[in-house]
Amino acid sequence: MKQNMLTGICLLMVPLPWTILCLRQFAWALESPVAEITIAAYALLMIFSAGFTMWAYMKQGVRNGSMKVCVVINSLYGVGGIAALGMMLLPIMS
């Protein structure tokens, strides 16, 4: 039961980053402070999703086929989230 619940949570996190496309259709979402906050929030969500999926796969031992797909997809999302945060923070730090 616990493995199925963890798999379900990880499966729900897979399409979540794509909701930014619907959100960015509004004019207010493209303005300066809101756009940066939205991108940073989605980047943090993708990094959290990757970490949670890796935790469930490695530490909790959830090793079914759906979870293997979630590990690959959410890991790619996590790398993209780290890159997005890096591009946002690099000009501030230098």
PDB file of N, CA and C in Angstrom:
ATOM      1  N   MET A   1       0.818  -1.191   0.000  1.00  0.00           N
ATOM      2  CA  MET A   1       0.000   0.000   0.000  1.00  0.00           C
ATOM      3  C   MET A   1       0.866   1.261   0.000  1.00  0.00           C
ATOM      4  N   LYS A   2       1.924   1.262   0.830  1.00  0.00           N
ATOM      5  CA  LYS A   2       2.810   2.411   0.907  1.00  0.00           C
ATOM      6  C   LYS A   2       3.536   2.634  -0.421  1.00  0.00           C
ATOM      7  N   GLN A   3       3.945   1.545  -1.060  1.00  0.00           N
ATOM      8  CA  GLN A   3       4.643   1.669  -2.344  1.00  0.00           C
ATOM      9  C   GLN A   3       3.719   2.231  -3.418  1.00  0.00           C
ATOM     10  N   ASN A   4       2.459   1.803  -3.410  1.00  0.00           N
ATOM     11  CA  ASN A   4       1.501   2.321  -4.387  1.00  0.00           C
ATOM     12  C   ASN A   4       1.230   3.808  -4.166  1.00  0.00           C
ATOM     13  N   MET A   5       1.185   4.237  -2.905  1.00  0.00           N
ATOM     14  CA  MET A   5       0.946   5.639  -2.615  1.00  0.00           C
ATOM     15  C   MET A   5       2.142   6.492  -3.061  1.00  0.00           C
ATOM     16  N   LEU A   6       3.349   6.032  -2.799  1.00  0.00           N
ATOM     17  CA  LEU A   6       4.540   6.763  -3.230  1.00  0.00           C
ATOM     18  C   LEU A   6       4.621   6.825  -4.754  1.00  0.00           C
ATOM     19  N   THR A   7       4.277   5.735  -5.414  1.00  0.00           N
ATOM     20  CA  THR A   7       4.267   5.727  -6.871  1.00  0.00           C
ATOM     21  C   THR A   7       3.231   6.706  -7.408  1.00  0.00           C
ATOM     22  N   GLY A   8       2.058   6.753  -6.790  1.00  0.00           N
ATOM     23  CA  GLY A   8       1.019   7.681  -7.217  1.00  0.00           C
ATOM     24  C   GLY A   8       1.429   9.136  -7.052  1.00  0.00           C
ATOM     25  N   ILE A   9       2.087   9.449  -5.937  1.00  0.00           N
ATOM     26  CA  ILE A   9       2.560  10.820  -5.720  1.00  0.00           C
ATOM     27  C   ILE A   9       3.586  11.197  -6.779  1.00  0.00           C
ATOM     28  N   CYS A  10       4.503  10.281  -7.058  1.00  0.00           N
ATOM     29  CA  CYS A  10       5.528  10.564  -8.068  1.00  0.00           C
ATOM     30  C   CYS A  10       4.926  10.694  -9.459  1.00  0.00           C
ATOM     31  N   LEU A  11       3.909   9.900  -9.747  1.00  0.00           N
ATOM     32  CA  LEU A  11       3.234  10.017 -11.043  1.00  0.00           C
ATOM     33  C   LEU A  11       2.487  11.343 -11.166  1.00  0.00           C
ATOM     34  N   LEU A  12       1.947  11.848 -10.063  1.00  0.00           N
ATOM     35  CA  LEU A  12       1.265  13.146 -10.100  1.00  0.00           C
ATOM     36  C   LEU A  12       2.246  14.290 -10.324  1.00  0.00           C
ATOM     37  N   MET A  13       3.489  14.107  -9.917  1.00  0.00           N
ATOM     38  CA  MET A  13       4.488  15.158 -10.086  1.00  0.00           C
ATOM     39  C   MET A  13       5.039  15.236 -11.506  1.00  0.00           C
ATOM     40  N   VAL A  14       4.797  14.243 -12.317  1.00  0.00           N
ATOM     41  CA  VAL A  14       5.344  14.243 -13.683  1.00  0.00           C
ATOM     42  C   VAL A  14       4.707  15.326 -14.565  1.00  0.00           C
ATOM     43  N   PRO A  15       3.387  15.470 -14.656  1.00  0.00           N
ATOM     44  CA  PRO A  15       2.839  16.511 -15.545  1.00  0.00           C
ATOM     45  C   PRO A  15       2.771  17.896 -14.910  1.00  0.00           C
ATOM     46  N   LEU A  16       3.063  18.019 -13.629  1.00  0.00           N
ATOM     47  CA  LEU A  16       2.911  19.293 -12.935  1.00  0.00           C
ATOM     48  C   LEU A  16       3.734  20.437 -13.522  1.00  0.00           C
ATOM     49  N   PRO A  17       4.993  20.263 -13.912  1.00  0.00           N
ATOM     50  CA  PRO A  17       5.742  21.389 -14.478  1.00  0.00           C
ATOM     51  C   PRO A  17       5.165  21.934 -15.782  1.00  0.00           C
ATOM     52  N   TRP A  18       4.380  21.149 -16.485  1.00  0.00           N
ATOM     53  CA  TRP A  18       3.816  21.608 -17.747  1.00  0.00           C
ATOM     54  C   TRP A  18       2.655  22.570 -17.546  1.00  0.00           C
ATOM     55  N   THR A  19       2.164  22.704 -16.329  1.00  0.00           N
ATOM     56  CA  THR A  19       1.077  23.642 -16.077  1.00  0.00           C
ATOM     57  C   THR A  19       1.544  25.090 -16.187  1.00  0.00           C
ATOM     58  N   ILE A  20       2.842  25.320 -16.212  1.00  0.00           N
ATOM     59  CA  ILE A  20       3.345  26.681 -16.388  1.00  0.00           C
ATOM     60  C   ILE A  20       2.956  27.229 -17.764  1.00  0.00           C
ATOM     61  N   LEU A  21       2.802  26.363 -18.738  1.00  0.00           N
ATOM     62  CA  LEU A  21       2.402  26.822 -20.070  1.00  0.00           C
ATOM     63  C   LEU A  21       0.999  27.420 -20.055  1.00  0.00           C
ATOM     64  N   CYS A  22       0.103  26.816 -19.297  1.00  0.00           N
ATOM     65  CA  CYS A  22      -1.252  27.373 -19.170  1.00  0.00           C
ATOM     66  C   CYS A  22      -1.232  28.663 -18.369  1.00  0.00           C
ATOM     67  N   LEU A  23      -0.433  28.699 -17.332  1.00  0.00           N
ATOM     68  CA  LEU A  23      -0.378  29.869 -16.471  1.00  0.00           C
ATOM     69  C   LEU A  23       0.210  31.080 -17.183  1.00  0.00           C
ATOM     70  N   ARG A  24       1.174  30.871 -18.057  1.00  0.00           N
ATOM     71  CA  ARG A  24       1.861  31.977 -18.715  1.00  0.00           C
ATOM     72  C   ARG A  24       1.077  32.552 -19.893  1.00  0.00           C
ATOM     73  N   GLN A  25      -0.119  32.084 -20.129  1.00  0.00           N
ATOM     74  CA  GLN A  25      -0.963  32.673 -21.167  1.00  0.00           C
ATOM     75  C   GLN A  25      -1.616  33.974 -20.707  1.00  0.00           C
ATOM     76  N   PHE A  26      -1.601  34.235 -19.408  1.00  0.00           N
ATOM     77  CA  PHE A  26      -2.172  35.465 -18.872  1.00  0.00           C
ATOM     78  C   PHE A  26      -1.136  36.571 -18.937  1.00  0.00           C
ATOM     79  N   ALA A  27      -1.592  37.780 -19.207  1.00  0.00           N
ATOM     80  CA  ALA A  27      -0.684  38.921 -19.352  1.00  0.00           C
ATOM     81  C   ALA A  27       0.031  39.247 -18.042  1.00  0.00           C
ATOM     82  N   TRP A  28      -0.645  39.094 -16.920  1.00  0.00           N
ATOM     83  CA  TRP A  28      -0.025  39.418 -15.644  1.00  0.00           C
ATOM     84  C   TRP A  28       1.113  38.462 -15.316  1.00  0.00           C
ATOM     85  N   ALA A  29       1.075  37.248 -15.860  1.00  0.00           N
ATOM     86  CA  ALA A  29       2.125  36.271 -15.564  1.00  0.00           C
ATOM     87  C   ALA A  29       3.414  36.554 -16.329  1.00  0.00           C
ATOM     88  N   LEU A  30       3.356  37.443 -17.314  1.00  0.00           N
ATOM     89  CA  LEU A  30       4.537  37.763 -18.108  1.00  0.00           C
ATOM     90  C   LEU A  30       5.248  39.017 -17.631  1.00  0.00           C
ATOM     91  N   GLU A  31       4.669  39.717 -16.663  1.00  0.00           N
ATOM     92  CA  GLU A  31       5.293  40.932 -16.154  1.00  0.00           C
ATOM     93  C   GLU A  31       6.451  40.586 -15.235  1.00  0.00           C
ATOM     94  N   SER A  32       7.343  41.532 -15.058  1.00  0.00           N
ATOM     95  CA  SER A  32       8.649  41.292 -14.463  1.00  0.00           C
ATOM     96  C   SER A  32       8.674  40.598 -13.102  1.00  0.00           C
ATOM     97  N   PRO A  33       8.105  41.104 -12.044  1.00  0.00           N
ATOM     98  CA  PRO A  33       8.329  40.388 -10.787  1.00  0.00           C
ATOM     99  C   PRO A  33       7.593  39.055 -10.724  1.00  0.00           C
ATOM    100  N   VAL A  34       6.424  38.999 -11.335  1.00  0.00           N
ATOM    101  CA  VAL A  34       5.636  37.766 -11.274  1.00  0.00           C
ATOM    102  C   VAL A  34       6.295  36.652 -12.072  1.00  0.00           C
ATOM    103  N   ALA A  35       6.862  36.977 -13.217  1.00  0.00           N
ATOM    104  CA  ALA A  35       7.484  35.962 -14.065  1.00  0.00           C
ATOM    105  C   ALA A  35       8.670  35.302 -13.365  1.00  0.00           C
ATOM    106  N   GLU A  36       9.509  36.102 -12.715  1.00  0.00           N
ATOM    107  CA  GLU A  36      10.664  35.531 -12.025  1.00  0.00           C
ATOM    108  C   GLU A  36      10.251  34.648 -10.853  1.00  0.00           C
ATOM    109  N   ILE A  37       9.249  35.102 -10.116  1.00  0.00           N
ATOM    110  CA  ILE A  37       8.775  34.319  -8.979  1.00  0.00           C
ATOM    111  C   ILE A  37       8.165  33.005  -9.449  1.00  0.00           C
ATOM    112  N   THR A  38       7.404  33.065 -10.535  1.00  0.00           N
ATOM    113  CA  THR A  38       6.770  31.856 -11.070  1.00  0.00           C
ATOM    114  C   THR A  38       7.807  30.859 -11.549  1.00  0.00           C
ATOM    115  N   ILE A  39       8.806  31.327 -12.270  1.00  0.00           N
ATOM    116  CA  ILE A  39       9.843  30.428 -12.777  1.00  0.00           C
ATOM    117  C   ILE A  39      10.638  29.823 -11.628  1.00  0.00           C
ATOM    118  N   ALA A  40      10.956  30.628 -10.628  1.00  0.00           N
ATOM    119  CA  ALA A  40      11.700  30.112  -9.475  1.00  0.00           C
ATOM    120  C   ALA A  40      10.878  29.080  -8.707  1.00  0.00           C
ATOM    121  N   ALA A  41       9.575  29.332  -8.555  1.00  0.00           N
ATOM    122  CA  ALA A  41       8.717  28.387  -7.844  1.00  0.00           C
ATOM    123  C   ALA A  41       8.615  27.061  -8.600  1.00  0.00           C
ATOM    124  N   TYR A  42       8.470  27.134  -9.908  1.00  0.00           N
ATOM    125  CA  TYR A  42       8.404  25.902 -10.695  1.00  0.00           C
ATOM    126  C   TYR A  42       9.744  25.172 -10.688  1.00  0.00           C
ATOM    127  N   ALA A  43      10.851  25.903 -10.703  1.00  0.00           N
ATOM    128  CA  ALA A  43      12.171  25.266 -10.643  1.00  0.00           C
ATOM    129  C   ALA A  43      12.348  24.544  -9.311  1.00  0.00           C
ATOM    130  N   LEU A  44      11.941  25.178  -8.224  1.00  0.00           N
ATOM    131  CA  LEU A  44      12.026  24.523  -6.919  1.00  0.00           C
ATOM    132  C   LEU A  44      11.107  23.309  -6.845  1.00  0.00           C
ATOM    133  N   LEU A  45       9.930  23.408  -7.444  1.00  0.00           N
ATOM    134  CA  LEU A  45       9.024  22.264  -7.493  1.00  0.00           C
ATOM    135  C   LEU A  45       9.651  21.100  -8.254  1.00  0.00           C
ATOM    136  N   MET A  46      10.297  21.389  -9.363  1.00  0.00           N
ATOM    137  CA  MET A  46      10.920  20.320 -10.154  1.00  0.00           C
ATOM    138  C   MET A  46      12.089  19.698  -9.398  1.00  0.00           C
ATOM    139  N   ILE A  47      12.864  20.501  -8.691  1.00  0.00           N
ATOM    140  CA  ILE A  47      13.969  19.968  -7.900  1.00  0.00           C
ATOM    141  C   ILE A  47      13.432  19.108  -6.760  1.00  0.00           C
ATOM    142  N   PHE A  48      12.380  19.573  -6.088  1.00  0.00           N
ATOM    143  CA  PHE A  48      11.763  18.783  -5.027  1.00  0.00           C
ATOM    144  C   PHE A  48      11.208  17.467  -5.574  1.00  0.00           C
ATOM    145  N   SER A  49      10.566  17.517  -6.732  1.00  0.00           N
ATOM    146  CA  SER A  49      10.007  16.302  -7.338  1.00  0.00           C
ATOM    147  C   SER A  49      11.099  15.280  -7.625  1.00  0.00           C
ATOM    148  N   ALA A  50      12.223  15.760  -8.138  1.00  0.00           N
ATOM    149  CA  ALA A  50      13.334  14.853  -8.423  1.00  0.00           C
ATOM    150  C   ALA A  50      13.877  14.249  -7.133  1.00  0.00           C
ATOM    151  N   GLY A  51      14.040  15.071  -6.118  1.00  0.00           N
ATOM    152  CA  GLY A  51      14.548  14.564  -4.838  1.00  0.00           C
ATOM    153  C   GLY A  51      13.597  13.581  -4.188  1.00  0.00           C
ATOM    154  N   PHE A  52      12.310  13.890  -4.212  1.00  0.00           N
ATOM    155  CA  PHE A  52      11.322  12.998  -3.616  1.00  0.00           C
ATOM    156  C   PHE A  52      11.265  11.672  -4.357  1.00  0.00           C
ATOM    157  N   THR A  53      11.311  11.724  -5.670  1.00  0.00           N
ATOM    158  CA  THR A  53      11.264  10.486  -6.457  1.00  0.00           C
ATOM    159  C   THR A  53      12.502   9.639  -6.218  1.00  0.00           C
ATOM    160  N   MET A  54      13.662  10.280  -6.159  1.00  0.00           N
ATOM    161  CA  MET A  54      14.888   9.527  -5.880  1.00  0.00           C
ATOM    162  C   MET A  54      14.860   8.929  -4.475  1.00  0.00           C
ATOM    163  N   TRP A  55      14.324   9.683  -3.514  1.00  0.00           N
ATOM    164  CA  TRP A  55      14.200   9.169  -2.148  1.00  0.00           C
ATOM    165  C   TRP A  55      13.288   7.951  -2.112  1.00  0.00           C
ATOM    166  N   ALA A  56      12.148   8.035  -2.784  1.00  0.00           N
ATOM    167  CA  ALA A  56      11.206   6.917  -2.792  1.00  0.00           C
ATOM    168  C   ALA A  56      11.806   5.700  -3.497  1.00  0.00           C
ATOM    169  N   TYR A  57      12.566   5.930  -4.536  1.00  0.00           N
ATOM    170  CA  TYR A  57      13.145   4.826  -5.294  1.00  0.00           C
ATOM    171  C   TYR A  57      14.308   4.187  -4.540  1.00  0.00           C
ATOM    172  N   MET A  58      15.196   5.012  -3.994  1.00  0.00           N
ATOM    173  CA  MET A  58      16.412   4.486  -3.367  1.00  0.00           C
ATOM    174  C   MET A  58      16.175   4.035  -1.922  1.00  0.00           C
ATOM    175  N   LYS A  59      15.609   4.894  -1.103  1.00  0.00           N
ATOM    176  CA  LYS A  59      15.499   4.610   0.326  1.00  0.00           C
ATOM    177  C   LYS A  59      14.283   3.765   0.681  1.00  0.00           C
ATOM    178  N   GLN A  60      13.185   3.974  -0.016  1.00  0.00           N
ATOM    179  CA  GLN A  60      11.966   3.235   0.300  1.00  0.00           C
ATOM    180  C   GLN A  60      11.829   1.948  -0.508  1.00  0.00           C
ATOM    181  N   GLY A  61      12.649   1.778  -1.515  1.00  0.00           N
ATOM    182  CA  GLY A  61      12.664   0.538  -2.273  1.00  0.00           C
ATOM    183  C   GLY A  61      11.488   0.336  -3.201  1.00  0.00           C
ATOM    184  N   VAL A  62      10.887   1.411  -3.687  1.00  0.00           N
ATOM    185  CA  VAL A  62       9.779   1.303  -4.643  1.00  0.00           C
ATOM    186  C   VAL A  62      10.409   1.129  -6.018  1.00  0.00           C
ATOM    187  N   ARG A  63      10.335  -0.079  -6.560  1.00  0.00           N
ATOM    188  CA  ARG A  63      11.059  -0.383  -7.790  1.00  0.00           C
ATOM    189  C   ARG A  63      10.156  -1.008  -8.851  1.00  0.00           C
ATOM    190  N   ASN A  64       8.988  -0.427  -9.051  1.00  0.00           N
ATOM    191  CA  ASN A  64       8.120  -0.941 -10.113  1.00  0.00           C
ATOM    192  C   ASN A  64       8.380  -0.170 -11.410  1.00  0.00           C
ATOM    193  N   GLY A  65       7.737  -0.581 -12.475  1.00  0.00           N
ATOM    194  CA  GLY A  65       7.980   0.024 -13.779  1.00  0.00           C
ATOM    195  C   GLY A  65       7.599   1.492 -13.853  1.00  0.00           C
ATOM    196  N   SER A  66       6.478   1.842 -13.238  1.00  0.00           N
ATOM    197  CA  SER A  66       6.041   3.238 -13.245  1.00  0.00           C
ATOM    198  C   SER A  66       7.034   4.123 -12.507  1.00  0.00           C
ATOM    199  N   MET A  67       7.579   3.609 -11.431  1.00  0.00           N
ATOM    200  CA  MET A  67       8.527   4.398 -10.653  1.00  0.00           C
ATOM    201  C   MET A  67       9.830   4.599 -11.415  1.00  0.00           C
ATOM    202  N   LYS A  68      10.228   3.628 -12.197  1.00  0.00           N
ATOM    203  CA  LYS A  68      11.446   3.782 -12.998  1.00  0.00           C
ATOM    204  C   LYS A  68      11.276   4.887 -14.039  1.00  0.00           C
ATOM    205  N   VAL A  69      10.096   4.963 -14.616  1.00  0.00           N
ATOM    206  CA  VAL A  69       9.809   6.041 -15.572  1.00  0.00           C
ATOM    207  C   VAL A  69       9.794   7.384 -14.852  1.00  0.00           C
ATOM    208  N   CYS A  70       9.201   7.422 -13.662  1.00  0.00           N
ATOM    209  CA  CYS A  70       9.161   8.661 -12.879  1.00  0.00           C
ATOM    210  C   CYS A  70      10.561   9.115 -12.490  1.00  0.00           C
ATOM    211  N   VAL A  71      11.436   8.181 -12.161  1.00  0.00           N
ATOM    212  CA  VAL A  71      12.810   8.539 -11.792  1.00  0.00           C
ATOM    213  C   VAL A  71      13.508   9.231 -12.956  1.00  0.00           C
ATOM    214  N   VAL A  72      13.357   8.693 -14.149  1.00  0.00           N
ATOM    215  CA  VAL A  72      14.021   9.279 -15.314  1.00  0.00           C
ATOM    216  C   VAL A  72      13.455  10.668 -15.618  1.00  0.00           C
ATOM    217  N   ILE A  73      12.131  10.779 -15.680  1.00  0.00           N
ATOM    218  CA  ILE A  73      11.513  12.047 -16.054  1.00  0.00           C
ATOM    219  C   ILE A  73      11.760  13.116 -14.988  1.00  0.00           C
ATOM    220  N   ASN A  74      11.538  12.769 -13.720  1.00  0.00           N
ATOM    221  CA  ASN A  74      11.715  13.757 -12.662  1.00  0.00           C
ATOM    222  C   ASN A  74      13.187  14.124 -12.463  1.00  0.00           C
ATOM    223  N   SER A  75      14.101  13.211 -12.768  1.00  0.00           N
ATOM    224  CA  SER A  75      15.523  13.563 -12.702  1.00  0.00           C
ATOM    225  C   SER A  75      15.874  14.588 -13.780  1.00  0.00           C
ATOM    226  N   LEU A  76      15.321  14.415 -14.970  1.00  0.00           N
ATOM    227  CA  LEU A  76      15.534  15.412 -16.022  1.00  0.00           C
ATOM    228  C   LEU A  76      14.918  16.751 -15.640  1.00  0.00           C
ATOM    229  N   TYR A  77      13.733  16.710 -15.032  1.00  0.00           N
ATOM    230  CA  TYR A  77      13.113  17.939 -14.541  1.00  0.00           C
ATOM    231  C   TYR A  77      13.995  18.602 -13.486  1.00  0.00           C
ATOM    232  N   GLY A  78      14.579  17.797 -12.605  1.00  0.00           N
ATOM    233  CA  GLY A  78      15.439  18.341 -11.562  1.00  0.00           C
ATOM    234  C   GLY A  78      16.665  19.026 -12.126  1.00  0.00           C
ATOM    235  N   VAL A  79      17.266  18.426 -13.138  1.00  0.00           N
ATOM    236  CA  VAL A  79      18.422  19.054 -13.790  1.00  0.00           C
ATOM    237  C   VAL A  79      18.002  20.364 -14.456  1.00  0.00           C
ATOM    238  N   GLY A  80      16.846  20.366 -15.093  1.00  0.00           N
ATOM    239  CA  GLY A  80      16.332  21.592 -15.704  1.00  0.00           C
ATOM    240  C   GLY A  80      16.034  22.662 -14.663  1.00  0.00           C
ATOM    241  N   GLY A  81      15.507  22.257 -13.513  1.00  0.00           N
ATOM    242  CA  GLY A  81      15.228  23.209 -12.441  1.00  0.00           C
ATOM    243  C   GLY A  81      16.503  23.813 -11.871  1.00  0.00           C
ATOM    244  N   ILE A  82      17.536  22.992 -11.711  1.00  0.00           N
ATOM    245  CA  ILE A  82      18.828  23.505 -11.235  1.00  0.00           C
ATOM    246  C   ILE A  82      19.411  24.478 -12.250  1.00  0.00           C
ATOM    247  N   ALA A  83      19.282  24.148 -13.530  1.00  0.00           N
ATOM    248  CA  ALA A  83      19.782  25.050 -14.574  1.00  0.00           C
ATOM    249  C   ALA A  83      19.012  26.369 -14.580  1.00  0.00           C
ATOM    250  N   ALA A  84      17.712  26.307 -14.419  1.00  0.00           N
ATOM    251  CA  ALA A  84      16.909  27.537 -14.406  1.00  0.00           C
ATOM    252  C   ALA A  84      17.268  28.419 -13.214  1.00  0.00           C
ATOM    253  N   LEU A  85      17.410  27.807 -12.041  1.00  0.00           N
ATOM    254  CA  LEU A  85      17.808  28.592 -10.875  1.00  0.00           C
ATOM    255  C   LEU A  85      19.223  29.146 -11.039  1.00  0.00           C
ATOM    256  N   GLY A  86      20.085  28.348 -11.640  1.00  0.00           N
ATOM    257  CA  GLY A  86      21.449  28.831 -11.885  1.00  0.00           C
ATOM    258  C   GLY A  86      21.475  30.038 -12.811  1.00  0.00           C
ATOM    259  N   MET A  87      20.656  29.992 -13.865  1.00  0.00           N
ATOM    260  CA  MET A  87      20.602  31.137 -14.782  1.00  0.00           C
ATOM    261  C   MET A  87      19.992  32.365 -14.129  1.00  0.00           C
ATOM    262  N   MET A  88      19.113  32.151 -13.154  1.00  0.00           N
ATOM    263  CA  MET A  88      18.520  33.284 -12.456  1.00  0.00           C
ATOM    264  C   MET A  88      19.479  33.868 -11.413  1.00  0.00           C
ATOM    265  N   LEU A  89      20.252  33.014 -10.755  1.00  0.00           N
ATOM    266  CA  LEU A  89      21.101  33.480  -9.661  1.00  0.00           C
ATOM    267  C   LEU A  89      22.496  33.910 -10.104  1.00  0.00           C
ATOM    268  N   LEU A  90      22.961  33.427 -11.229  1.00  0.00           N
ATOM    269  CA  LEU A  90      24.313  33.769 -11.678  1.00  0.00           C
ATOM    270  C   LEU A  90      24.511  35.260 -11.899  1.00  0.00           C
ATOM    271  N   PRO A  91      23.598  35.972 -12.551  1.00  0.00           N
ATOM    272  CA  PRO A  91      23.804  37.428 -12.701  1.00  0.00           C
ATOM    273  C   PRO A  91      23.758  38.178 -11.362  1.00  0.00           C
ATOM    274  N   ILE A  92      23.020  37.666 -10.410  1.00  0.00           N
ATOM    275  CA  ILE A  92      22.943  38.322  -9.103  1.00  0.00           C
ATOM    276  C   ILE A  92      24.253  38.146  -8.337  1.00  0.00           C
ATOM    277  N   MET A  93      24.873  36.978  -8.462  1.00  0.00           N
ATOM    278  CA  MET A  93      26.070  36.669  -7.704  1.00  0.00           C
ATOM    279  C   MET A  93      27.317  37.334  -8.277  1.00  0.00           C
ATOM    280  N   SER A  94      27.317  37.633  -9.565  1.00  0.00           N
ATOM    281  CA  SER A  94      28.537  38.192 -10.159  1.00  0.00           C
ATOM    282  C   SER A  94      28.502  39.699 -10.232  1.00  0.00           C
TER     283      SER A  94
END
